[in-house]
Amino acid sequence: MGNEKDLTAVNQNENLNDNAVLDALKLTPDQWKSGIVKCIAFTLVAVFIFFVPVTFNGTSDVIFGVVYKNIKSALGLFGLWLCGLIIIGNAIFSIYGKYICRNKDSEVYKYYKEDSIIHPLLYLFGAIGAVIVLLGDTVPGFVGPEFISNPDIGPNVYGIATDVAWIIPVSAIFMPFLINYGIVDFIGSLMEPLMRPVFKLPGRSAVNAIASFVSSSSVGVLITSKLYRSGIYTHKEAVLIATGFSAVSVGFAYKVIETAALQDYFIPIYFLALLITLLVSFFMCRIPPLSKKPSVYLNGHVQTKEDIEREKIPANLIFKTGSERAVKKAATAPNLIKEIVSSLKDSLSVLPKVVSLLTAVGIIAMIIATYTPLFDIIGKLFEPLLNICGVPDAAAIAPSFPVGIAEMFLPVLLIADKVETLAMGARYMVVTVSMVQIIFFSETIVVMMSTKIPVTLKELIICFFERTIIAIPITAVFMHLLF
């Protein structure tokens, strides 16, 4: 083929994430062998780490989950205080960098310059919340303000924050195995015929969905952010993927389903939730604000029809093309150690802001949910829709739907003391809709905003309510079939 290019002649400035460039590469026999070995070996590592459930100490989880949870457990109180010190330090430096520092060449100034003037106040509140929780855990007799020290508020949110604090660096270590050695390109080629027409997304976005389902919604967002900043996703694609496919993990889903006393139906409920997530995302990509997002890459290049056409592969060549792209990507992959270091640097640069915002916004949202009637009032708006859909106990469960924007686990907590009296169909609605809402302050919203995925808070709030309104009638159909 005349347009093929030898691997040694590839210009380092060329974008090897562009399938046209990748397809044009010509490998020597030795490079093919090396590429095949690296592709298979590192892909197996990625699959084993992120996707294969194992039983450890009587608990089933993926290796990734086992690693970060055991690190957190091993560090114990030191780890909790380390996370707290990061939050406290971030608050102090943000106040200096945003309000005091005038040296525009300062690293502190550069780190916080894109934050709004409100961010340092949120960081400070997060630091105060973290200190109160930590002192309550470690100082005998210390009693902080009830609205923070309440186990369902401060300790609950801070527990999630410390989980995310370890999810970020641990996922960063293993992410190069998932992104750099061909599995994304292989699955992308196979899934392109489905993902592009149905969800207006490239096939490789299926990897993000799988990573979220089996490990963590934060991992899904972090992978999306990495691929967006690498020039693989456009603004529109990155937002569609982050807001539509960053679902809760298997382990967390089981915890939610068990709390609603529906564990006997775990398998059908979980897989129906995945299906409903896809159905909701089908509609979301076709309505504002997501449909209005520009199809522009981070470098300013506007996605063209030709760019999309280059992704298309004849049906009889899908497997062959996907395999070749995977091998070529592995053969051209940068040094693994350097990529891990680079990935760690990227992740650690967002970690202070993510855990600080998660703590602050999570506590604020939980305070509103616990001590004000706001979510009860908003919940009334969902009652007519629930009644139209024939959902039992509509009035009792309506407040649980808007409260999901604060924390994904909150909806089921609101009905936890009523499981004996609520109909199974009502409990199913609460559990499933909360799992497919995806957008919530205590984790995904702050991770999306901290990793610079191009979406505003206003857009995320609109998307949350859109997803909820779309999800209710779809979930109701399956409720009637299942119960």
Protein backbone atom coordinates (compact mmCIF):
# COMPACT_ATOMS: atom_id res chain seq x y z
CA MET A 1 0.00 0.00 0.00
CA GLY A 2 1.59 3.21 -1.21
CA ASN A 3 0.38 5.41 1.63
CA GLU A 4 1.81 3.22 4.39
CA LYS A 5 4.56 4.58 6.59
CA ASP A 6 7.35 2.75 8.37
CA LEU A 7 7.26 3.00 12.15
CA THR A 8 10.75 4.45 12.28
CA ALA A 9 9.70 7.28 9.95
CA VAL A 10 6.78 8.43 12.07
CA ASN A 11 7.07 12.04 13.13
CA GLN A 12 6.72 12.38 16.89
CA ASN A 13 4.34 15.30 16.31
CA GLU A 14 1.88 13.10 14.41
CA ASN A 15 -1.22 12.11 16.32
CA LEU A 16 -1.14 8.34 16.66
CA ASN A 17 -4.60 8.53 18.20
CA ASP A 18 -5.84 9.42 14.71
CA ASN A 19 -6.88 6.14 13.11
CA ALA A 20 -5.88 7.42 9.66
CA VAL A 21 -2.30 7.91 10.90
CA LEU A 22 -2.37 4.56 12.71
CA ASP A 23 -3.72 2.71 9.67
CA ALA A 24 -0.97 4.19 7.50
CA LEU A 25 1.81 2.75 9.66
CA LYS A 26 3.83 -0.14 8.28
CA LEU A 27 5.52 -2.40 10.83
CA THR A 28 8.51 -4.64 10.27
CA PRO A 29 8.11 -8.34 11.21
CA ASP A 30 10.00 -7.75 14.49
CA GLN A 31 7.82 -4.74 15.27
CA TRP A 32 4.72 -6.83 14.59
CA LYS A 33 5.91 -9.49 17.01
CA SER A 34 6.78 -6.92 19.64
CA GLY A 35 3.43 -5.18 19.14
CA ILE A 36 1.48 -8.43 19.45
CA VAL A 37 3.30 -9.43 22.64
CA LYS A 38 2.85 -6.01 24.27
CA CYS A 39 -0.76 -5.74 23.15
CA ILE A 40 -1.72 -9.14 24.56
CA ALA A 41 0.38 -8.93 27.74
CA PHE A 42 -0.56 -5.39 28.79
CA THR A 43 -4.21 -5.80 27.76
CA LEU A 44 -4.44 -8.91 29.95
CA VAL A 45 -3.00 -6.88 32.83
CA ALA A 46 -5.61 -4.13 32.24
CA VAL A 47 -8.49 -6.61 31.96
CA PHE A 48 -7.34 -8.44 35.09
CA ILE A 49 -6.93 -5.20 37.06
CA PHE A 50 -10.14 -3.44 36.06
CA PHE A 51 -12.59 -6.09 34.91
CA VAL A 52 -12.08 -9.47 36.57
CA PRO A 53 -13.91 -9.96 39.88
CA VAL A 54 -12.00 -11.88 42.56
CA THR A 55 -12.91 -12.92 46.09
CA PHE A 56 -10.63 -11.41 48.73
CA ASN A 57 -11.28 -11.85 52.46
CA GLY A 58 -14.76 -13.10 51.66
CA THR A 59 -15.65 -10.07 49.51
CA SER A 60 -16.00 -10.04 45.73
CA ASP A 61 -14.37 -7.11 43.96
CA VAL A 62 -12.16 -6.31 40.98
CA ILE A 63 -8.38 -6.22 41.58
CA PHE A 64 -8.40 -2.44 41.25
CA GLY A 65 -10.92 -2.20 44.09
CA VAL A 66 -8.97 -4.66 46.23
CA VAL A 67 -5.75 -2.65 45.74
CA TYR A 68 -7.06 0.79 46.66
CA LYS A 69 -9.24 -0.48 49.52
CA ASN A 70 -6.32 -2.41 51.03
CA ILE A 71 -4.03 0.61 50.73
CA LYS A 72 -6.66 2.69 52.51
CA SER A 73 -7.13 -0.01 55.16
CA ALA A 74 -3.38 -0.49 55.69
CA LEU A 75 -2.79 3.23 56.18
CA GLY A 76 -5.74 3.46 58.56
CA LEU A 77 -5.82 6.63 60.63
CA PHE A 78 -2.66 7.96 58.97
CA GLY A 79 -4.36 7.73 55.58
CA LEU A 80 -7.43 9.55 56.87
CA TRP A 81 -5.27 12.38 58.25
CA LEU A 82 -3.15 12.46 55.08
CA CYS A 83 -6.28 13.07 53.04
CA GLY A 84 -7.32 15.71 55.56
CA LEU A 85 -3.94 17.44 55.35
CA ILE A 86 -4.24 17.53 51.55
CA ILE A 87 -7.65 19.21 51.88
CA ILE A 88 -6.38 21.67 54.50
CA GLY A 89 -3.26 22.48 52.46
CA ASN A 90 -5.35 22.98 49.34
CA ALA A 91 -7.57 25.46 51.19
CA ILE A 92 -4.59 27.47 52.47
CA PHE A 93 -2.79 27.56 49.11
CA SER A 94 -5.99 28.39 47.22
CA ILE A 95 -6.64 31.45 49.40
CA TYR A 96 -3.06 32.60 48.80
CA GLY A 97 -3.07 31.76 45.08
CA LYS A 98 -6.47 33.31 44.33
CA TYR A 99 -6.70 36.27 46.69
CA ILE A 100 -3.15 37.24 47.67
CA CYS A 101 -0.52 36.14 45.13
CA ARG A 102 0.18 38.67 42.37
CA ASN A 103 3.09 36.87 40.75
CA LYS A 104 1.56 35.39 37.58
CA ASP A 105 4.63 33.19 37.09
CA SER A 106 4.08 31.53 40.45
CA GLU A 107 3.09 27.87 40.29
CA VAL A 108 0.54 28.46 43.04
CA TYR A 109 -1.05 31.27 41.02
CA LYS A 110 -1.15 29.15 37.86
CA TYR A 111 -2.68 26.20 39.70
CA TYR A 112 -5.64 28.21 40.99
CA LYS A 113 -6.02 30.89 38.32
CA GLU A 114 -8.86 29.10 36.51
CA ASP A 115 -10.85 28.63 39.72
CA SER A 116 -13.69 31.06 40.45
CA ILE A 117 -13.48 33.37 43.46
CA ILE A 118 -15.94 31.03 45.20
CA HIS A 119 -13.67 27.97 44.97
CA PRO A 120 -11.33 28.94 47.86
CA LEU A 121 -14.37 29.36 50.12
CA LEU A 122 -15.59 25.89 49.18
CA TYR A 123 -12.10 24.47 49.76
CA LEU A 124 -12.04 26.17 53.17
CA PHE A 125 -15.42 24.74 54.11
CA GLY A 126 -14.23 21.31 52.98
CA ALA A 127 -11.16 21.69 55.21
CA ILE A 128 -13.31 22.66 58.20
CA GLY A 129 -15.59 19.68 57.57
CA ALA A 130 -12.62 17.31 57.28
CA VAL A 131 -11.09 18.59 60.54
CA ILE A 132 -14.38 18.17 62.42
CA VAL A 133 -14.79 14.60 61.13
CA LEU A 134 -11.18 13.69 61.93
CA LEU A 135 -11.28 15.17 65.43
CA GLY A 136 -14.54 13.32 66.06
CA ASP A 137 -12.83 10.07 65.07
CA THR A 138 -9.61 10.58 67.01
CA VAL A 139 -10.21 12.88 70.01
CA PRO A 140 -12.24 11.30 72.85
CA GLY A 141 -15.12 13.50 73.90
CA PHE A 142 -14.89 15.83 70.91
CA VAL A 143 -18.33 16.70 69.57
CA GLY A 144 -18.55 18.86 66.48
CA PRO A 145 -21.60 20.68 65.14
CA GLU A 146 -24.42 18.19 64.59
CA PHE A 147 -24.99 19.32 60.99
CA ILE A 148 -21.48 18.11 60.12
CA SER A 149 -20.72 15.38 62.69
CA ASN A 150 -24.02 13.59 61.93
CA PRO A 151 -22.83 10.12 60.71
CA ASP A 152 -24.95 10.44 57.56
CA ILE A 153 -23.35 13.78 56.66
CA GLY A 154 -19.70 14.56 57.49
CA PRO A 155 -18.35 11.04 58.14
CA ASN A 156 -20.30 9.60 55.20
CA VAL A 157 -19.07 12.23 52.74
CA TYR A 158 -15.50 12.16 54.08
CA GLY A 159 -15.48 8.37 53.73
CA ILE A 160 -16.33 8.75 50.05
CA ALA A 161 -13.68 11.48 49.69
CA THR A 162 -10.94 9.24 51.11
CA ASP A 163 -12.01 6.44 48.75
CA VAL A 164 -11.69 8.80 45.79
CA ALA A 165 -8.34 10.07 47.14
CA TRP A 166 -6.94 6.56 46.64
CA ILE A 167 -8.95 5.72 43.51
CA ILE A 168 -7.28 8.58 41.64
CA PRO A 169 -3.57 7.62 42.05
CA VAL A 170 -4.17 3.86 41.92
CA SER A 171 -6.19 4.16 38.70
CA ALA A 172 -3.47 6.44 37.30
CA ILE A 173 -0.85 3.72 37.78
CA PHE A 174 -2.88 1.15 35.85
CA MET A 175 -4.54 3.43 33.30
CA PRO A 176 -1.66 3.33 30.76
CA PHE A 177 -2.20 -0.44 30.45
CA LEU A 178 -5.80 0.24 29.48
CA ILE A 179 -5.24 3.21 27.18
CA ASN A 180 -1.85 2.80 25.50
CA TYR A 181 -1.65 -0.81 24.34
CA GLY A 182 -4.51 -1.34 21.94
CA ILE A 183 -7.56 -2.54 23.87
CA VAL A 184 -9.27 0.85 23.44
CA ASP A 185 -8.59 0.80 19.70
CA PHE A 186 -9.68 -2.84 19.31
CA ILE A 187 -12.97 -2.40 21.17
CA GLY A 188 -13.46 0.95 19.47
CA SER A 189 -13.29 -0.67 16.04
CA LEU A 190 -15.72 -3.42 17.06
CA MET A 191 -18.21 -1.03 18.70
CA GLU A 192 -18.10 1.79 16.15
CA PRO A 193 -21.06 0.48 14.09
CA LEU A 194 -23.23 0.63 17.24
CA MET A 195 -21.89 3.56 19.26
CA ARG A 196 -21.77 6.19 16.51
CA PRO A 197 -25.36 5.93 15.15
CA VAL A 198 -26.98 5.13 18.51
CA PHE A 199 -25.07 7.39 20.92
CA LYS A 200 -23.20 9.72 18.54
CA LEU A 201 -19.96 8.49 20.09
CA PRO A 202 -16.83 6.69 18.90
CA GLY A 203 -16.70 2.97 19.56
CA ARG A 204 -13.84 3.29 22.05
CA SER A 205 -16.19 5.04 24.48
CA ALA A 206 -17.58 1.57 25.28
CA VAL A 207 -14.37 1.00 27.30
CA ASN A 208 -15.27 3.94 29.56
CA ALA A 209 -18.69 2.46 30.21
CA ILE A 210 -17.24 -0.96 31.06
CA ALA A 211 -14.61 0.57 33.37
CA SER A 212 -17.31 2.51 35.25
CA PHE A 213 -19.61 -0.48 35.63
CA VAL A 214 -16.98 -2.80 37.06
CA SER A 215 -14.75 -0.45 39.05
CA SER A 216 -15.86 3.11 39.83
CA SER A 217 -17.68 6.07 38.30
CA SER A 218 -14.58 8.17 39.09
CA VAL A 219 -12.46 5.83 36.97
CA GLY A 220 -14.84 6.30 34.05
CA VAL A 221 -14.59 10.09 34.34
CA LEU A 222 -10.79 9.99 34.71
CA ILE A 223 -10.42 7.80 31.60
CA THR A 224 -12.69 10.17 29.66
CA SER A 225 -10.67 13.18 30.83
CA LYS A 226 -7.40 11.51 29.85
CA LEU A 227 -8.65 10.63 26.35
CA TYR A 228 -10.16 14.11 25.91
CA ARG A 229 -6.87 15.78 26.84
CA SER A 230 -5.05 13.38 24.53
CA GLY A 231 -7.07 14.67 21.59
CA ILE A 232 -9.11 11.47 21.13
CA TYR A 233 -12.52 12.85 22.15
CA THR A 234 -14.15 16.14 21.12
CA HIS A 235 -15.76 18.47 23.67
CA LYS A 236 -19.15 16.97 22.86
CA GLU A 237 -17.99 13.35 23.01
CA ALA A 238 -16.19 13.86 26.35
CA VAL A 239 -19.28 15.38 27.97
CA LEU A 240 -21.65 12.77 26.52
CA ILE A 241 -19.46 9.95 27.81
CA ALA A 242 -18.80 11.45 31.26
CA THR A 243 -22.46 12.29 31.89
CA GLY A 244 -23.92 9.20 30.23
CA PHE A 245 -21.62 6.27 30.93
CA SER A 246 -19.88 6.96 34.25
CA ALA A 247 -22.21 4.61 36.10
CA VAL A 248 -21.83 3.17 39.58
CA SER A 249 -19.74 0.04 40.06
CA VAL A 250 -21.03 -3.48 40.58
CA GLY A 251 -20.00 -3.46 44.23
CA PHE A 252 -21.68 -0.16 45.02
CA ALA A 253 -24.80 -1.19 43.08
CA TYR A 254 -25.09 -4.31 45.24
CA LYS A 255 -24.86 -2.17 48.39
CA VAL A 256 -27.70 0.05 47.12
CA ILE A 257 -29.90 -2.90 46.08
CA GLU A 258 -29.27 -4.70 49.38
CA THR A 259 -30.27 -1.61 51.38
CA ALA A 260 -33.64 -1.66 49.62
CA ALA A 261 -34.02 -5.37 50.57
CA LEU A 262 -33.99 -6.41 46.90
CA GLN A 263 -30.77 -8.45 46.92
CA ASP A 264 -32.64 -11.54 45.72
CA TYR A 265 -33.23 -9.68 42.47
CA PHE A 266 -29.68 -8.32 42.16
CA ILE A 267 -28.83 -9.77 38.73
CA PRO A 268 -31.98 -8.61 36.87
CA ILE A 269 -32.01 -5.22 38.63
CA TYR A 270 -28.34 -4.55 37.89
CA PHE A 271 -28.42 -5.53 34.24
CA LEU A 272 -31.71 -3.73 33.66
CA ALA A 273 -30.07 -0.64 35.18
CA LEU A 274 -27.25 -0.92 32.64
CA LEU A 275 -29.78 -1.23 29.82
CA ILE A 276 -31.79 1.73 31.11
CA THR A 277 -28.58 3.77 31.39
CA LEU A 278 -27.96 3.16 27.68
CA LEU A 279 -31.57 3.98 26.76
CA VAL A 280 -31.45 7.26 28.72
CA SER A 281 -28.13 8.16 27.07
CA PHE A 282 -29.73 7.54 23.65
CA PHE A 283 -32.15 10.39 24.34
CA MET A 284 -29.69 12.65 26.17
CA CYS A 285 -27.33 12.99 23.21
CA ARG A 286 -30.23 14.33 21.12
CA ILE A 287 -31.49 17.10 23.40
CA PRO A 288 -29.92 20.29 24.81
CA PRO A 289 -27.67 21.10 26.50
CA LEU A 290 -25.57 18.10 25.41
CA SER A 291 -26.71 18.18 21.77
CA LYS A 292 -25.46 21.78 21.55
CA LYS A 293 -21.92 20.98 22.64
CA PRO A 294 -19.34 21.69 19.89
CA SER A 295 -17.64 18.82 18.11
CA VAL A 296 -14.21 20.38 18.57
CA TYR A 297 -11.04 18.74 19.84
CA LEU A 298 -8.92 20.27 22.61
CA ASN A 299 -6.39 21.56 20.03
CA GLY A 300 -9.15 23.54 18.28
CA HIS A 301 -9.62 21.16 15.34
CA VAL A 302 -13.29 20.94 14.37
CA GLN A 303 -14.44 17.35 13.86
CA THR A 304 -15.41 16.82 10.22
CA LYS A 305 -17.50 14.21 8.45
CA GLU A 306 -14.22 12.86 7.12
CA ASP A 307 -12.95 12.36 10.67
CA ILE A 308 -16.07 10.35 11.49
CA GLU A 309 -15.96 8.47 8.18
CA ARG A 310 -12.38 7.41 8.90
CA GLU A 311 -13.70 5.60 11.97
CA LYS A 312 -16.08 3.52 9.87
CA ILE A 313 -14.92 0.08 8.84
CA PRO A 314 -16.50 -2.36 6.37
CA ALA A 315 -18.36 -5.07 8.29
CA ASN A 316 -16.15 -7.87 6.95
CA LEU A 317 -12.98 -6.04 8.04
CA ILE A 318 -13.98 -4.93 11.54
CA PHE A 319 -12.10 -7.63 13.46
CA LYS A 320 -9.02 -7.48 11.20
CA THR A 321 -8.80 -3.68 11.32
CA GLY A 322 -9.35 -3.60 15.08
CA SER A 323 -6.61 -6.18 15.63
CA GLU A 324 -4.16 -4.33 13.41
CA ARG A 325 -4.85 -1.02 15.12
CA ALA A 326 -4.37 -2.63 18.52
CA VAL A 327 -0.99 -4.13 17.54
CA LYS A 328 0.20 -0.88 15.94
CA LYS A 329 -0.86 1.13 18.98
CA ALA A 330 1.06 -1.24 21.25
CA ALA A 331 4.11 -1.09 18.98
CA THR A 332 4.12 2.72 19.03
CA ALA A 333 3.32 3.06 22.74
CA PRO A 334 5.67 5.30 24.76
CA ASN A 335 7.88 3.90 27.50
CA LEU A 336 5.60 2.33 30.12
CA ILE A 337 7.42 3.77 33.16
CA LYS A 338 7.35 7.28 31.69
CA GLU A 339 3.63 6.93 30.92
CA ILE A 340 2.87 5.75 34.45
CA VAL A 341 4.84 8.68 35.88
CA SER A 342 3.05 11.08 33.53
CA SER A 343 -0.34 9.58 34.43
CA LEU A 344 0.47 9.86 38.14
CA LYS A 345 1.51 13.51 37.76
CA ASP A 346 -1.73 14.30 35.94
CA SER A 347 -3.82 12.54 38.58
CA LEU A 348 -2.02 14.04 41.55
CA SER A 349 -2.44 17.51 40.07
CA VAL A 350 -6.25 17.21 40.25
CA LEU A 351 -6.46 15.19 43.47
CA PRO A 352 -6.38 18.11 45.99
CA LYS A 353 -9.17 19.96 44.20
CA VAL A 354 -11.27 16.82 43.67
CA VAL A 355 -11.23 15.64 47.31
CA SER A 356 -11.65 19.20 48.62
CA LEU A 357 -14.65 19.95 46.43
CA LEU A 358 -16.12 16.51 47.04
CA THR A 359 -15.96 17.05 50.81
CA ALA A 360 -17.32 20.60 50.70
CA VAL A 361 -20.08 20.18 48.15
CA GLY A 362 -21.02 16.73 49.44
CA ILE A 363 -21.48 18.01 53.01
CA ILE A 364 -23.47 21.05 51.83
CA ALA A 365 -25.77 18.89 49.70
CA MET A 366 -26.28 16.40 52.55
CA ILE A 367 -27.08 19.22 54.98
CA ILE A 368 -29.74 20.53 52.59
CA ALA A 369 -31.17 17.02 52.17
CA THR A 370 -31.23 16.33 55.91
CA TYR A 371 -32.28 19.63 57.45
CA THR A 372 -34.39 21.41 54.84
CA PRO A 373 -37.58 20.50 52.94
CA LEU A 374 -36.04 21.50 49.60
CA PHE A 375 -35.85 18.00 48.15
CA ASP A 376 -39.34 17.18 49.49
CA ILE A 377 -40.69 20.23 47.67
CA ILE A 378 -38.87 19.36 44.43
CA GLY A 379 -39.96 15.74 44.83
CA LYS A 380 -43.60 16.82 44.64
CA LEU A 381 -42.95 17.73 41.00
CA PHE A 382 -42.25 14.06 40.23
CA GLU A 383 -45.46 12.73 41.81
CA PRO A 384 -47.72 13.28 38.77
CA LEU A 385 -45.25 11.48 36.50
CA LEU A 386 -44.97 8.58 38.95
CA ASN A 387 -48.76 8.33 39.16
CA ILE A 388 -49.14 8.39 35.38
CA CYS A 389 -46.61 5.55 35.17
CA GLY A 390 -48.57 3.51 37.72
CA VAL A 391 -45.82 3.47 40.33
CA PRO A 392 -47.03 2.37 43.79
CA ASP A 393 -46.36 4.54 46.86
CA ALA A 394 -45.62 7.51 44.59
CA ALA A 395 -46.00 10.15 47.31
CA ALA A 396 -43.68 8.28 49.68
CA ILE A 397 -40.83 7.82 47.20
CA ALA A 398 -41.07 11.08 45.20
CA PRO A 399 -38.58 13.03 47.43
CA SER A 400 -35.93 10.36 46.80
CA PHE A 401 -35.52 11.27 43.12
CA PRO A 402 -34.19 14.86 43.39
CA VAL A 403 -32.05 13.99 46.44
CA GLY A 404 -29.92 11.79 44.17
CA ILE A 405 -28.13 14.91 42.94
CA ALA A 406 -26.49 15.23 46.38
CA GLU A 407 -25.23 11.67 46.69
CA MET A 408 -26.12 8.53 44.77
CA PHE A 409 -26.72 6.53 47.95
CA LEU A 410 -29.11 9.09 49.48
CA PRO A 411 -32.34 8.02 47.66
CA VAL A 412 -32.20 4.51 49.07
CA LEU A 413 -31.21 5.85 52.51
CA LEU A 414 -34.40 7.92 52.54
CA ILE A 415 -36.52 4.78 52.18
CA ALA A 416 -34.30 2.43 54.21
CA ASP A 417 -36.57 2.63 57.26
CA LYS A 418 -39.68 2.00 55.14
CA VAL A 419 -38.67 -1.11 53.20
CA GLU A 420 -41.15 -3.24 55.13
CA THR A 421 -44.07 -1.03 54.13
CA LEU A 422 -43.11 0.07 50.62
CA ALA A 423 -44.14 -2.04 47.63
CA MET A 424 -41.30 -3.88 45.87
CA GLY A 425 -42.04 -1.94 42.70
CA ALA A 426 -41.61 1.36 44.54
CA ARG A 427 -38.28 0.25 46.01
CA TYR A 428 -37.17 -0.95 42.57
CA MET A 429 -37.93 2.49 41.12
CA VAL A 430 -35.87 4.27 43.77
CA VAL A 431 -32.90 1.92 43.41
CA THR A 432 -32.80 1.83 39.61
CA VAL A 433 -33.39 5.52 38.93
CA SER A 434 -30.68 6.45 41.45
CA MET A 435 -28.26 4.13 39.64
CA VAL A 436 -28.91 5.63 36.20
CA GLN A 437 -28.93 9.32 37.26
CA ILE A 438 -25.08 9.22 37.24
CA ILE A 439 -24.69 12.93 38.04
CA PHE A 440 -24.28 13.70 41.76
CA PHE A 441 -22.37 16.26 43.82
CA SER A 442 -20.55 13.95 46.21
CA GLU A 443 -18.45 12.42 43.43
CA THR A 444 -19.08 12.59 39.66
CA ILE A 445 -19.92 16.32 39.46
CA VAL A 446 -16.81 17.44 41.32
CA VAL A 447 -14.58 14.95 39.49
CA MET A 448 -15.89 16.17 36.11
CA MET A 449 -15.38 19.81 37.01
CA SER A 450 -11.95 19.24 38.56
CA THR A 451 -10.64 17.28 35.57
CA LYS A 452 -11.66 20.07 33.17
CA ILE A 453 -14.16 18.05 31.17
CA PRO A 454 -15.86 20.91 29.24
CA VAL A 455 -19.18 21.11 31.07
CA THR A 456 -20.60 23.72 33.47
CA LEU A 457 -22.35 23.17 36.79
CA LYS A 458 -25.57 24.59 35.36
CA GLU A 459 -25.46 22.09 32.48
CA LEU A 460 -24.83 19.21 34.87
CA ILE A 461 -27.81 20.14 37.03
CA ILE A 462 -30.03 20.38 33.92
CA CYS A 463 -28.73 17.01 32.73
CA PHE A 464 -29.49 15.45 36.12
CA PHE A 465 -33.14 16.41 35.95
CA GLU A 466 -33.40 15.45 32.29
CA ARG A 467 -31.95 12.01 33.02
CA THR A 468 -34.34 11.59 35.95
CA ILE A 469 -37.44 12.56 33.95
CA ILE A 470 -36.46 10.27 31.07
CA ALA A 471 -35.49 7.40 33.39
CA ILE A 472 -38.74 7.29 35.38
CA PRO A 473 -41.12 6.11 32.61
CA ILE A 474 -38.51 3.72 31.14
CA THR A 475 -37.83 2.21 34.57
CA ALA A 476 -41.58 2.00 35.24
CA VAL A 477 -42.03 -0.21 32.18
CA PHE A 478 -39.48 -2.71 33.52
CA MET A 479 -40.98 -2.39 37.01
CA HIS A 480 -44.34 -3.61 35.70
CA LEU A 481 -42.63 -6.47 33.85
CA LEU A 482 -40.48 -7.53 36.81
CA PHE A 483 -42.89 -7.05 39.70
